[in-house]
PDB file of N, CA and C in Angstrom:
ATOM      1  N   MET A   1     -24.182 -19.654 -19.159  1.00  0.00           N
ATOM      2  CA  MET A   1     -22.758 -19.568 -19.001  1.00  0.00           C
ATOM      3  C   MET A   1     -22.323 -20.689 -18.084  1.00  0.00           C
ATOM      4  N   ARG A   2     -21.197 -21.352 -18.452  1.00  0.00           N
ATOM      5  CA  ARG A   2     -20.669 -22.458 -17.649  1.00  0.00           C
ATOM      6  C   ARG A   2     -19.348 -22.064 -17.010  1.00  0.00           C
ATOM      7  N   PHE A   3     -19.169 -22.477 -15.770  1.00  0.00           N
ATOM      8  CA  PHE A   3     -17.908 -22.253 -15.078  1.00  0.00           C
ATOM      9  C   PHE A   3     -17.200 -23.576 -14.894  1.00  0.00           C
ATOM     10  N   SER A   4     -15.920 -23.619 -15.152  1.00  0.00           N
ATOM     11  CA  SER A   4     -15.126 -24.806 -14.873  1.00  0.00           C
ATOM     12  C   SER A   4     -14.585 -24.700 -13.458  1.00  0.00           C
ATOM     13  N   VAL A   5     -14.000 -25.786 -12.977  1.00  0.00           N
ATOM     14  CA  VAL A   5     -13.371 -25.766 -11.658  1.00  0.00           C
ATOM     15  C   VAL A   5     -12.243 -24.732 -11.654  1.00  0.00           C
ATOM     16  N   THR A   6     -11.487 -24.662 -12.731  1.00  0.00           N
ATOM     17  CA  THR A   6     -10.402 -23.685 -12.827  1.00  0.00           C
ATOM     18  C   THR A   6     -10.936 -22.267 -12.732  1.00  0.00           C
ATOM     19  N   SER A   7     -12.048 -21.992 -13.409  1.00  0.00           N
ATOM     20  CA  SER A   7     -12.646 -20.660 -13.345  1.00  0.00           C
ATOM     21  C   SER A   7     -13.076 -20.321 -11.926  1.00  0.00           C
ATOM     22  N   ALA A   8     -13.683 -21.266 -11.244  1.00  0.00           N
ATOM     23  CA  ALA A   8     -14.149 -21.032  -9.879  1.00  0.00           C
ATOM     24  C   ALA A   8     -12.976 -20.746  -8.944  1.00  0.00           C
ATOM     25  N   VAL A   9     -11.883 -21.500  -9.080  1.00  0.00           N
ATOM     26  CA  VAL A   9     -10.710 -21.279  -8.242  1.00  0.00           C
ATOM     27  C   VAL A   9     -10.104 -19.907  -8.536  1.00  0.00           C
ATOM     28  N   THR A  10     -10.047 -19.529  -9.790  1.00  0.00           N
ATOM     29  CA  THR A  10      -9.512 -18.224 -10.171  1.00  0.00           C
ATOM     30  C   THR A  10     -10.346 -17.103  -9.572  1.00  0.00           C
ATOM     31  N   ILE A  11     -11.663 -17.222  -9.614  1.00  0.00           N
ATOM     32  CA  ILE A  11     -12.547 -16.199  -9.053  1.00  0.00           C
ATOM     33  C   ILE A  11     -12.358 -16.095  -7.545  1.00  0.00           C
ATOM     34  N   VAL A  12     -12.332 -17.230  -6.841  1.00  0.00           N
ATOM     35  CA  VAL A  12     -12.165 -17.222  -5.395  1.00  0.00           C
ATOM     36  C   VAL A  12     -10.804 -16.642  -5.024  1.00  0.00           C
ATOM     37  N   THR A  13      -9.753 -17.027  -5.758  1.00  0.00           N
ATOM     38  CA  THR A  13      -8.428 -16.486  -5.488  1.00  0.00           C
ATOM     39  C   THR A  13      -8.423 -14.978  -5.670  1.00  0.00           C
ATOM     40  N   GLY A  14      -9.042 -14.488  -6.704  1.00  0.00           N
ATOM     41  CA  GLY A  14      -9.118 -13.047  -6.946  1.00  0.00           C
ATOM     42  C   GLY A  14      -9.838 -12.323  -5.839  1.00  0.00           C
ATOM     43  N   LEU A  15     -10.941 -12.893  -5.365  1.00  0.00           N
ATOM     44  CA  LEU A  15     -11.687 -12.263  -4.277  1.00  0.00           C
ATOM     45  C   LEU A  15     -10.886 -12.265  -2.985  1.00  0.00           C
ATOM     46  N   THR A  16     -10.179 -13.342  -2.708  1.00  0.00           N
ATOM     47  CA  THR A  16      -9.375 -13.428  -1.504  1.00  0.00           C
ATOM     48  C   THR A  16      -8.234 -12.430  -1.549  1.00  0.00           C
ATOM     49  N   ALA A  17      -7.548 -12.335  -2.682  1.00  0.00           N
ATOM     50  CA  ALA A  17      -6.419 -11.417  -2.796  1.00  0.00           C
ATOM     51  C   ALA A  17      -6.853  -9.969  -2.642  1.00  0.00           C
ATOM     52  N   SER A  18      -8.010  -9.622  -3.191  1.00  0.00           N
ATOM     53  CA  SER A  18      -8.452  -8.232  -3.111  1.00  0.00           C
ATOM     54  C   SER A  18      -8.807  -7.832  -1.694  1.00  0.00           C
ATOM     55  N   GLY A  19      -9.143  -8.784  -0.834  1.00  0.00           N
ATOM     56  CA  GLY A  19      -9.485  -8.468   0.542  1.00  0.00           C
ATOM     57  C   GLY A  19      -8.272  -8.277   1.433  1.00  0.00           C
ATOM     58  N   SER A  20      -7.078  -8.663   0.948  1.00  0.00           N
ATOM     59  CA  SER A  20      -5.899  -8.570   1.799  1.00  0.00           C
ATOM     60  C   SER A  20      -4.817  -7.685   1.168  1.00  0.00           C
ATOM     61  N   ALA A  21      -5.224  -6.743   0.360  1.00  0.00           N
ATOM     62  CA  ALA A  21      -4.266  -5.826  -0.256  1.00  0.00           C
ATOM     63  C   ALA A  21      -4.824  -4.412  -0.183  1.00  0.00           C
ATOM     64  N   PHE A  22      -3.919  -3.438  -0.309  1.00  0.00           N
ATOM     65  CA  PHE A  22      -4.385  -2.067  -0.462  1.00  0.00           C
ATOM     66  C   PHE A  22      -3.690  -1.478  -1.669  1.00  0.00           C
ATOM     67  N   MET A  23      -4.258  -0.403  -2.193  1.00  0.00           N
ATOM     68  CA  MET A  23      -3.753   0.218  -3.412  1.00  0.00           C
ATOM     69  C   MET A  23      -3.353   1.657  -3.107  1.00  0.00           C
ATOM     70  N   ILE A  24      -2.243   2.114  -3.740  1.00  0.00           N
ATOM     71  CA  ILE A  24      -1.810   3.502  -3.596  1.00  0.00           C
ATOM     72  C   ILE A  24      -1.339   4.042  -4.940  1.00  0.00           C
ATOM     73  N   ASP A  25      -1.302   5.363  -5.018  1.00  0.00           N
ATOM     74  CA  ASP A  25      -0.614   6.086  -6.081  1.00  0.00           C
ATOM     75  C   ASP A  25       0.558   6.796  -5.412  1.00  0.00           C
ATOM     76  N   THR A  26       1.729   6.785  -6.050  1.00  0.00           N
ATOM     77  CA  THR A  26       2.906   7.449  -5.486  1.00  0.00           C
ATOM     78  C   THR A  26       3.299   8.650  -6.344  1.00  0.00           C
ATOM     79  N   PHE A  27       3.910   9.647  -5.702  1.00  0.00           N
ATOM     80  CA  PHE A  27       4.243  10.908  -6.367  1.00  0.00           C
ATOM     81  C   PHE A  27       5.677  11.329  -6.050  1.00  0.00           C
ATOM     82  N   ASP A  28       6.297  12.080  -6.967  1.00  0.00           N
ATOM     83  CA  ASP A  28       7.666  12.570  -6.799  1.00  0.00           C
ATOM     84  C   ASP A  28       7.777  13.732  -5.821  1.00  0.00           C
ATOM     85  N   ARG A  29       6.711  14.487  -5.647  1.00  0.00           N
ATOM     86  CA  ARG A  29       6.770  15.675  -4.793  1.00  0.00           C
ATOM     87  C   ARG A  29       5.928  15.474  -3.536  1.00  0.00           C
ATOM     88  N   GLN A  30       6.191  16.296  -2.525  1.00  0.00           N
ATOM     89  CA  GLN A  30       5.481  16.182  -1.252  1.00  0.00           C
ATOM     90  C   GLN A  30       3.999  16.495  -1.347  1.00  0.00           C
ATOM     91  N   ASP A  31       3.573  17.235  -2.320  1.00  0.00           N
ATOM     92  CA  ASP A  31       2.177  17.659  -2.407  1.00  0.00           C
ATOM     93  C   ASP A  31       1.361  16.813  -3.387  1.00  0.00           C
ATOM     94  N   CYS A  32       1.744  15.558  -3.561  1.00  0.00           N
ATOM     95  CA  CYS A  32       1.074  14.635  -4.487  1.00  0.00           C
ATOM     96  C   CYS A  32       1.037  15.208  -5.896  1.00  0.00           C
ATOM     97  N   ASP A  33       2.166  15.754  -6.293  1.00  0.00           N
ATOM     98  CA  ASP A  33       2.327  16.306  -7.629  1.00  0.00           C
ATOM     99  C   ASP A  33       3.543  15.636  -8.256  1.00  0.00           C
ATOM    100  N   GLY A  34       3.684  15.784  -9.534  1.00  0.00           N
ATOM    101  CA  GLY A  34       4.803  15.202 -10.240  1.00  0.00           C
ATOM    102  C   GLY A  34       4.437  13.834 -10.788  1.00  0.00           C
ATOM    103  N   PRO A  35       5.371  13.212 -11.460  1.00  0.00           N
ATOM    104  CA  PRO A  35       5.095  11.891 -12.040  1.00  0.00           C
ATOM    105  C   PRO A  35       4.565  10.929 -10.985  1.00  0.00           C
ATOM    106  N   VAL A  36       3.670  10.085 -11.398  1.00  0.00           N
ATOM    107  CA  VAL A  36       2.997   9.178 -10.474  1.00  0.00           C
ATOM    108  C   VAL A  36       3.119   7.743 -10.957  1.00  0.00           C
ATOM    109  N   GLN A  37       3.231   6.853  -9.997  1.00  0.00           N
ATOM    110  CA  GLN A  37       3.088   5.432 -10.284  1.00  0.00           C
ATOM    111  C   GLN A  37       1.726   5.074  -9.708  1.00  0.00           C
ATOM    112  N   SER A  38       0.764   4.832 -10.587  1.00  0.00           N
ATOM    113  CA  SER A  38      -0.598   4.619 -10.102  1.00  0.00           C
ATOM    114  C   SER A  38      -0.939   3.141 -10.026  1.00  0.00           C
ATOM    115  N   GLY A  39      -1.870   2.855  -9.146  1.00  0.00           N
ATOM    116  CA  GLY A  39      -2.376   1.492  -9.010  1.00  0.00           C
ATOM    117  C   GLY A  39      -1.393   0.512  -8.416  1.00  0.00           C
ATOM    118  N   VAL A  40      -0.541   0.975  -7.508  1.00  0.00           N
ATOM    119  CA  VAL A  40       0.419   0.082  -6.862  1.00  0.00           C
ATOM    120  C   VAL A  40      -0.344  -0.783  -5.858  1.00  0.00           C
ATOM    121  N   ASN A  41      -0.253  -2.084  -6.012  1.00  0.00           N
ATOM    122  CA  ASN A  41      -0.987  -3.046  -5.202  1.00  0.00           C
ATOM    123  C   ASN A  41      -0.032  -3.624  -4.162  1.00  0.00           C
ATOM    124  N   ILE A  42      -0.314  -3.376  -2.880  1.00  0.00           N
ATOM    125  CA  ILE A  42       0.530  -3.862  -1.790  1.00  0.00           C
ATOM    126  C   ILE A  42      -0.204  -4.988  -1.074  1.00  0.00           C
ATOM    127  N   LEU A  43       0.269  -6.211  -1.255  1.00  0.00           N
ATOM    128  CA  LEU A  43      -0.350  -7.363  -0.614  1.00  0.00           C
ATOM    129  C   LEU A  43       0.002  -7.400   0.863  1.00  0.00           C
ATOM    130  N   ASP A  44      -0.853  -8.019   1.667  1.00  0.00           N
ATOM    131  CA  ASP A  44      -0.588  -8.142   3.088  1.00  0.00           C
ATOM    132  C   ASP A  44       0.584  -9.090   3.319  1.00  0.00           C
ATOM    133  N   ASN A  45       1.296  -8.852   4.406  1.00  0.00           N
ATOM    134  CA  ASN A  45       2.467  -9.644   4.785  1.00  0.00           C
ATOM    135  C   ASN A  45       3.506  -9.666   3.676  1.00  0.00           C
ATOM    136  N   ALA A  46       3.655  -8.536   3.001  1.00  0.00           N
ATOM    137  CA  ALA A  46       4.624  -8.409   1.922  1.00  0.00           C
ATOM    138  C   ALA A  46       5.408  -7.125   2.110  1.00  0.00           C
ATOM    139  N   CYS A  47       6.545  -7.074   1.464  1.00  0.00           N
ATOM    140  CA  CYS A  47       7.350  -5.870   1.465  1.00  0.00           C
ATOM    141  C   CYS A  47       7.808  -5.639   0.036  1.00  0.00           C
ATOM    142  N   ALA A  48       7.564  -4.448  -0.478  1.00  0.00           N
ATOM    143  CA  ALA A  48       7.883  -4.134  -1.868  1.00  0.00           C
ATOM    144  C   ALA A  48       8.803  -2.931  -1.926  1.00  0.00           C
ATOM    145  N   ALA A  49       9.813  -2.998  -2.784  1.00  0.00           N
ATOM    146  CA  ALA A  49      10.762  -1.901  -2.941  1.00  0.00           C
ATOM    147  C   ALA A  49      10.765  -1.434  -4.389  1.00  0.00           C
ATOM    148  N   TRP A  50      10.895  -0.133  -4.564  1.00  0.00           N
ATOM    149  CA  TRP A  50      10.981   0.466  -5.890  1.00  0.00           C
ATOM    150  C   TRP A  50      12.388   1.001  -6.100  1.00  0.00           C
ATOM    151  N   ALA A  51      12.843   0.999  -7.344  1.00  0.00           N
ATOM    152  CA  ALA A  51      14.175   1.529  -7.651  1.00  0.00           C
ATOM    153  C   ALA A  51      14.252   3.021  -7.366  1.00  0.00           C
ATOM    154  N   GLU A  52      13.191   3.751  -7.660  1.00  0.00           N
ATOM    155  CA  GLU A  52      13.152   5.182  -7.405  1.00  0.00           C
ATOM    156  C   GLU A  52      12.196   5.476  -6.269  1.00  0.00           C
ATOM    157  N   GLY A  53      12.579   6.420  -5.431  1.00  0.00           N
ATOM    158  CA  GLY A  53      11.755   6.743  -4.281  1.00  0.00           C
ATOM    159  C   GLY A  53      10.581   7.642  -4.638  1.00  0.00           C
ATOM    160  N   PHE A  54       9.718   7.837  -3.660  1.00  0.00           N
ATOM    161  CA  PHE A  54       8.572   8.729  -3.807  1.00  0.00           C
ATOM    162  C   PHE A  54       8.442   9.541  -2.533  1.00  0.00           C
ATOM    163  N   ARG A  55       7.886  10.751  -2.679  1.00  0.00           N
ATOM    164  CA  ARG A  55       7.827  11.681  -1.549  1.00  0.00           C
ATOM    165  C   ARG A  55       6.438  11.854  -0.981  1.00  0.00           C
ATOM    166  N   SER A  56       5.413  11.381  -1.681  1.00  0.00           N
ATOM    167  CA  SER A  56       4.045  11.452  -1.169  1.00  0.00           C
ATOM    168  C   SER A  56       3.215  10.357  -1.823  1.00  0.00           C
ATOM    169  N   PHE A  57       2.018  10.145  -1.264  1.00  0.00           N
ATOM    170  CA  PHE A  57       1.159   9.073  -1.768  1.00  0.00           C
ATOM    171  C   PHE A  57      -0.291   9.360  -1.428  1.00  0.00           C
ATOM    172  N   LYS A  58      -1.182   8.667  -2.136  1.00  0.00           N
ATOM    173  CA  LYS A  58      -2.617   8.655  -1.837  1.00  0.00           C
ATOM    174  C   LYS A  58      -3.072   7.208  -1.809  1.00  0.00           C
ATOM    175  N   ILE A  59      -3.873   6.871  -0.808  1.00  0.00           N
ATOM    176  CA  ILE A  59      -4.493   5.551  -0.755  1.00  0.00           C
ATOM    177  C   ILE A  59      -5.652   5.558  -1.751  1.00  0.00           C
ATOM    178  N   THR A  60      -5.713   4.571  -2.619  1.00  0.00           N
ATOM    179  CA  THR A  60      -6.800   4.488  -3.603  1.00  0.00           C
ATOM    180  C   THR A  60      -7.700   3.280  -3.374  1.00  0.00           C
ATOM    181  N   GLY A  61      -7.272   2.353  -2.537  1.00  0.00           N
ATOM    182  CA  GLY A  61      -8.091   1.179  -2.212  1.00  0.00           C
ATOM    183  C   GLY A  61      -7.734   0.665  -0.837  1.00  0.00           C
ATOM    184  N   ARG A  62      -8.720   0.380  -0.023  1.00  0.00           N
ATOM    185  CA  ARG A  62      -8.510  -0.051   1.359  1.00  0.00           C
ATOM    186  C   ARG A  62      -8.018  -1.491   1.448  1.00  0.00           C
ATOM    187  N   GLY A  63      -7.299  -1.756   2.543  1.00  0.00           N
ATOM    188  CA  GLY A  63      -6.881  -3.112   2.863  1.00  0.00           C
ATOM    189  C   GLY A  63      -7.905  -3.773   3.768  1.00  0.00           C
ATOM    190  N   GLY A  64      -7.568  -4.941   4.275  1.00  0.00           N
ATOM    191  CA  GLY A  64      -8.444  -5.681   5.175  1.00  0.00           C
ATOM    192  C   GLY A  64      -8.470  -5.072   6.564  1.00  0.00           C
ATOM    193  N   ASN A  65      -9.343  -5.595   7.419  1.00  0.00           N
ATOM    194  CA  ASN A  65      -9.467  -5.099   8.793  1.00  0.00           C
ATOM    195  C   ASN A  65      -8.130  -5.168   9.521  1.00  0.00           C
ATOM    196  N   HIS A  66      -7.760  -4.086  10.166  1.00  0.00           N
ATOM    197  CA  HIS A  66      -6.546  -3.962  10.979  1.00  0.00           C
ATOM    198  C   HIS A  66      -5.260  -4.066  10.156  1.00  0.00           C
ATOM    199  N   GLN A  67      -5.323  -3.852   8.852  1.00  0.00           N
ATOM    200  CA  GLN A  67      -4.126  -3.873   8.020  1.00  0.00           C
ATOM    201  C   GLN A  67      -3.406  -2.527   8.129  1.00  0.00           C
ATOM    202  N   ARG A  68      -2.086  -2.579   8.312  1.00  0.00           N
ATOM    203  CA  ARG A  68      -1.268  -1.373   8.449  1.00  0.00           C
ATOM    204  C   ARG A  68      -0.231  -1.319   7.336  1.00  0.00           C
ATOM    205  N   ALA A  69       0.080  -0.101   6.925  1.00  0.00           N
ATOM    206  CA  ALA A  69       1.140   0.136   5.958  1.00  0.00           C
ATOM    207  C   ALA A  69       2.317   0.773   6.691  1.00  0.00           C
ATOM    208  N   HIS A  70       3.520   0.395   6.286  1.00  0.00           N
ATOM    209  CA  HIS A  70       4.744   0.940   6.866  1.00  0.00           C
ATOM    210  C   HIS A  70       5.629   1.369   5.702  1.00  0.00           C
ATOM    211  N   PHE A  71       6.067   2.618   5.705  1.00  0.00           N
ATOM    212  CA  PHE A  71       6.880   3.178   4.628  1.00  0.00           C
ATOM    213  C   PHE A  71       8.296   3.370   5.145  1.00  0.00           C
ATOM    214  N   PHE A  72       9.271   2.980   4.336  1.00  0.00           N
ATOM    215  CA  PHE A  72      10.678   3.008   4.732  1.00  0.00           C
ATOM    216  C   PHE A  72      11.532   3.728   3.698  1.00  0.00           C
ATOM    217  N   ALA A  73      12.686   4.222   4.171  1.00  0.00           N
ATOM    218  CA  ALA A  73      13.711   4.735   3.270  1.00  0.00           C
ATOM    219  C   ALA A  73      14.422   3.530   2.641  1.00  0.00           C
ATOM    220  N   ALA A  74      15.375   3.787   1.794  1.00  0.00           N
ATOM    221  CA  ALA A  74      16.059   2.726   1.037  1.00  0.00           C
ATOM    222  C   ALA A  74      16.609   1.610   1.927  1.00  0.00           C
ATOM    223  N   ASP A  75      16.448   0.389   1.451  1.00  0.00           N
ATOM    224  CA  ASP A  75      17.040  -0.809   2.062  1.00  0.00           C
ATOM    225  C   ASP A  75      16.687  -1.001   3.532  1.00  0.00           C
ATOM    226  N   ASN A  76      15.480  -0.704   3.925  1.00  0.00           N
ATOM    227  CA  ASN A  76      15.091  -0.858   5.316  1.00  0.00           C
ATOM    228  C   ASN A  76      13.758  -1.581   5.403  1.00  0.00           C
ATOM    229  N   CYS A  77      13.673  -2.740   4.846  1.00  0.00           N
ATOM    230  CA  CYS A  77      12.419  -3.491   4.864  1.00  0.00           C
ATOM    231  C   CYS A  77      12.393  -4.433   6.062  1.00  0.00           C
ATOM    232  N   GLY A  78      11.332  -4.367   6.809  1.00  0.00           N
ATOM    233  CA  GLY A  78      11.145  -5.320   7.878  1.00  0.00           C
ATOM    234  C   GLY A  78      11.305  -4.779   9.278  1.00  0.00           C
ATOM    235  N   SER A  79      12.099  -3.761   9.495  1.00  0.00           N
ATOM    236  CA  SER A  79      12.265  -3.196  10.819  1.00  0.00           C
ATOM    237  C   SER A  79      11.183  -2.139  11.023  1.00  0.00           C
ATOM    238  N   LEU A  80      10.050  -2.544  11.568  1.00  0.00           N
ATOM    239  CA  LEU A  80       8.894  -1.649  11.675  1.00  0.00           C
ATOM    240  C   LEU A  80       9.181  -0.408  12.503  1.00  0.00           C
ATOM    241  N   THR A  81      10.096  -0.501  13.449  1.00  0.00           N
ATOM    242  CA  THR A  81      10.419   0.679  14.249  1.00  0.00           C
ATOM    243  C   THR A  81      11.195   1.719  13.440  1.00  0.00           C
ATOM    244  N   GLY A  82      11.742   1.327  12.298  1.00  0.00           N
ATOM    245  CA  GLY A  82      12.473   2.250  11.448  1.00  0.00           C
ATOM    246  C   GLY A  82      11.627   2.893  10.362  1.00  0.00           C
ATOM    247  N   ALA A  83      10.321   2.690  10.407  1.00  0.00           N
ATOM    248  CA  ALA A  83       9.437   3.257   9.379  1.00  0.00           C
ATOM    249  C   ALA A  83       9.423   4.783   9.459  1.00  0.00           C
ATOM    250  N   ILE A  84       9.412   5.430   8.290  1.00  0.00           N
ATOM    251  CA  ILE A  84       9.317   6.891   8.283  1.00  0.00           C
ATOM    252  C   ILE A  84       7.865   7.350   8.341  1.00  0.00           C
ATOM    253  N   ARG A  85       6.937   6.427   8.133  1.00  0.00           N
ATOM    254  CA  ARG A  85       5.511   6.715   8.338  1.00  0.00           C
ATOM    255  C   ARG A  85       4.771   5.377   8.374  1.00  0.00           C
ATOM    256  N   SER A  86       3.771   5.265   9.249  1.00  0.00           N
ATOM    257  CA  SER A  86       2.950   4.055   9.366  1.00  0.00           C
ATOM    258  C   SER A  86       1.518   4.457   9.635  1.00  0.00           C
ATOM    259  N   GLY A  87       0.598   3.590   9.295  1.00  0.00           N
ATOM    260  CA  GLY A  87      -0.798   3.843   9.598  1.00  0.00           C
ATOM    261  C   GLY A  87      -1.701   2.760   9.061  1.00  0.00           C
ATOM    262  N   TYR A  88      -2.910   2.754   9.556  1.00  0.00           N
ATOM    263  CA  TYR A  88      -3.890   1.781   9.087  1.00  0.00           C
ATOM    264  C   TYR A  88      -4.354   2.127   7.676  1.00  0.00           C
ATOM    265  N   VAL A  89      -4.554   1.101   6.872  1.00  0.00           N
ATOM    266  CA  VAL A  89      -5.073   1.273   5.513  1.00  0.00           C
ATOM    267  C   VAL A  89      -6.432   0.593   5.368  1.00  0.00           C
ATOM    268  N   ASP A  90      -7.048   0.301   6.509  1.00  0.00           N
ATOM    269  CA  ASP A  90      -8.395  -0.272   6.498  1.00  0.00           C
ATOM    270  C   ASP A  90      -9.407   0.863   6.647  1.00  0.00           C
ATOM    271  N   SER A  91     -10.578   0.562   7.099  1.00  0.00           N
ATOM    272  CA  SER A  91     -11.628   1.585   7.183  1.00  0.00           C
ATOM    273  C   SER A  91     -11.713   2.256   8.550  1.00  0.00           C
ATOM    274  N   THR A  92     -10.707   2.093   9.415  1.00  0.00           N
ATOM    275  CA  THR A  92     -10.769   2.716  10.730  1.00  0.00           C
ATOM    276  C   THR A  92     -10.650   4.230  10.622  1.00  0.00           C
ATOM    277  N   ALA A  93     -11.211   4.901  11.571  1.00  0.00           N
ATOM    278  CA  ALA A  93     -11.194   6.365  11.583  1.00  0.00           C
ATOM    279  C   ALA A  93      -9.796   6.917  11.834  1.00  0.00           C
ATOM    280  N   HIS A  94      -8.900   6.091  12.381  1.00  0.00           N
ATOM    281  CA  HIS A  94      -7.559   6.555  12.736  1.00  0.00           C
ATOM    282  C   HIS A  94      -6.529   6.303  11.634  1.00  0.00           C
ATOM    283  N   GLY A  95      -6.944   5.742  10.520  1.00  0.00           N
ATOM    284  CA  GLY A  95      -6.003   5.389   9.463  1.00  0.00           C
ATOM    285  C   GLY A  95      -5.925   6.416   8.354  1.00  0.00           C
ATOM    286  N   PHE A  96      -5.133   6.066   7.333  1.00  0.00           N
ATOM    287  CA  PHE A  96      -5.040   6.894   6.144  1.00  0.00           C
ATOM    288  C   PHE A  96      -6.396   6.902   5.441  1.00  0.00           C
ATOM    289  N   LYS A  97      -6.788   8.043   4.936  1.00  0.00           N
ATOM    290  CA  LYS A  97      -8.072   8.177   4.255  1.00  0.00           C
ATOM    291  C   LYS A  97      -7.875   8.104   2.745  1.00  0.00           C
ATOM    292  N   ILE A  98      -8.801   7.468   2.071  1.00  0.00           N
ATOM    293  CA  ILE A  98      -8.738   7.341   0.614  1.00  0.00           C
ATOM    294  C   ILE A  98      -8.765   8.732  -0.018  1.00  0.00           C
ATOM    295  N   GLY A  99      -7.843   8.934  -0.979  1.00  0.00           N
ATOM    296  CA  GLY A  99      -7.810  10.176  -1.742  1.00  0.00           C
ATOM    297  C   GLY A  99      -7.092  11.340  -1.095  1.00  0.00           C
ATOM    298  N   GLU A 100      -6.705  11.227   0.174  1.00  0.00           N
ATOM    299  CA  GLU A 100      -5.992  12.308   0.851  1.00  0.00           C
ATOM    300  C   GLU A 100      -4.495  12.162   0.605  1.00  0.00           C
ATOM    301  N   CYS A 101      -3.798  13.282   0.460  1.00  0.00           N
ATOM    302  CA  CYS A 101      -2.361  13.282   0.196  1.00  0.00           C
ATOM    303  C   CYS A 101      -1.582  13.176   1.505  1.00  0.00           C
ATOM    304  N   TYR A 102      -0.595  12.262   1.544  1.00  0.00           N
ATOM    305  CA  TYR A 102       0.282  12.091   2.705  1.00  0.00           C
ATOM    306  C   TYR A 102       1.727  12.165   2.226  1.00  0.00           C
ATOM    307  N   ASP A 103       2.609  12.737   3.066  1.00  0.00           N
ATOM    308  CA  ASP A 103       4.026  12.793   2.711  1.00  0.00           C
ATOM    309  C   ASP A 103       4.861  12.283   3.883  1.00  0.00           C
ATOM    310  N   PHE A 104       6.168  12.418   3.749  1.00  0.00           N
ATOM    311  CA  PHE A 104       7.100  11.890   4.736  1.00  0.00           C
ATOM    312  C   PHE A 104       7.927  13.006   5.380  1.00  0.00           C
ATOM    313  N   HIS A 105       7.365  14.210   5.426  1.00  0.00           N
ATOM    314  CA  HIS A 105       8.012  15.360   6.081  1.00  0.00           C
ATOM    315  C   HIS A 105       9.434  15.579   5.561  1.00  0.00           C
ATOM    316  N   GLY A 106       9.568  15.561   4.242  1.00  0.00           N
ATOM    317  CA  GLY A 106      10.852  15.814   3.594  1.00  0.00           C
ATOM    318  C   GLY A 106      11.650  14.576   3.241  1.00  0.00           C
ATOM    319  N   ALA A 107      11.315  13.446   3.793  1.00  0.00           N
ATOM    320  CA  ALA A 107      12.038  12.199   3.491  1.00  0.00           C
ATOM    321  C   ALA A 107      11.497  11.583   2.195  1.00  0.00           C
ATOM    322  N   THR A 108      12.223  10.606   1.689  1.00  0.00           N
ATOM    323  CA  THR A 108      11.816   9.861   0.502  1.00  0.00           C
ATOM    324  C   THR A 108      11.700   8.390   0.856  1.00  0.00           C
ATOM    325  N   ALA A 109      10.617   7.771   0.456  1.00  0.00           N
ATOM    326  CA  ALA A 109      10.408   6.341   0.700  1.00  0.00           C
ATOM    327  C   ALA A 109      10.561   5.582  -0.605  1.00  0.00           C
ATOM    328  N   ASN A 110      11.029   4.353  -0.512  1.00  0.00           N
ATOM    329  CA  ASN A 110      11.017   3.476  -1.670  1.00  0.00           C
ATOM    330  C   ASN A 110      10.699   2.036  -1.286  1.00  0.00           C
ATOM    331  N   VAL A 111      10.286   1.841  -0.047  1.00  0.00           N
ATOM    332  CA  VAL A 111       9.908   0.514   0.430  1.00  0.00           C
ATOM    333  C   VAL A 111       8.586   0.617   1.179  1.00  0.00           C
ATOM    334  N   ILE A 112       7.673  -0.301   0.880  1.00  0.00           N
ATOM    335  CA  ILE A 112       6.381  -0.348   1.583  1.00  0.00           C
ATOM    336  C   ILE A 112       6.160  -1.767   2.081  1.00  0.00           C
ATOM    337  N   ALA A 113       5.808  -1.881   3.350  1.00  0.00           N
ATOM    338  CA  ALA A 113       5.454  -3.169   3.942  1.00  0.00           C
ATOM    339  C   ALA A 113       4.019  -3.094   4.430  1.00  0.00           C
ATOM    340  N   SER A 114       3.364  -4.234   4.463  1.00  0.00           N
ATOM    341  CA  SER A 114       1.984  -4.285   4.918  1.00  0.00           C
ATOM    342  C   SER A 114       1.795  -5.493   5.836  1.00  0.00           C
ATOM    343  N   TYR A 115       1.261  -5.212   7.027  1.00  0.00           N
ATOM    344  CA  TYR A 115       1.018  -6.273   7.997  1.00  0.00           C
ATOM    345  C   TYR A 115      -0.274  -5.984   8.749  1.00  0.00           C
ATOM    346  N   TYR A 116      -0.862  -7.040   9.318  1.00  0.00           N
ATOM    347  CA  TYR A 116      -2.009  -6.867  10.198  1.00  0.00           C
ATOM    348  C   TYR A 116      -1.482  -6.587  11.585  1.00  0.00           C
ATOM    349  N   GLY A 117      -2.163  -5.678  12.297  1.00  0.00           N
ATOM    350  CA  GLY A 117      -1.668  -5.396  13.638  1.00  0.00           C
ATOM    351  C   GLY A 117      -2.455  -4.457  14.375  1.00  0.00           C
TER     352      GLY A 117
END
């Protein structure tokens, strides 16, 4: 099998991107029930907004070391002190755990930001 320079760059880019993102599934209800948007990929130093909110989530893939997720209500991207929930998405013992259900204590989120910190 032969690799071109383009193939090598694509592989390295893919490996780099996977190390700085985390993955979640989102749910309509607080108990991780209801329609789900699965495989949502949140890149580091990014903020993503959805048209429809979600009330709970599960982490399905870890982010890089010291990567944190911040969840916001509508139109509140960037003000970390206004997050309705935050936590590490890396492998630390104090962060969100893969496969565990988390909610926003009755609130609805539709914005997710990810930063190292």
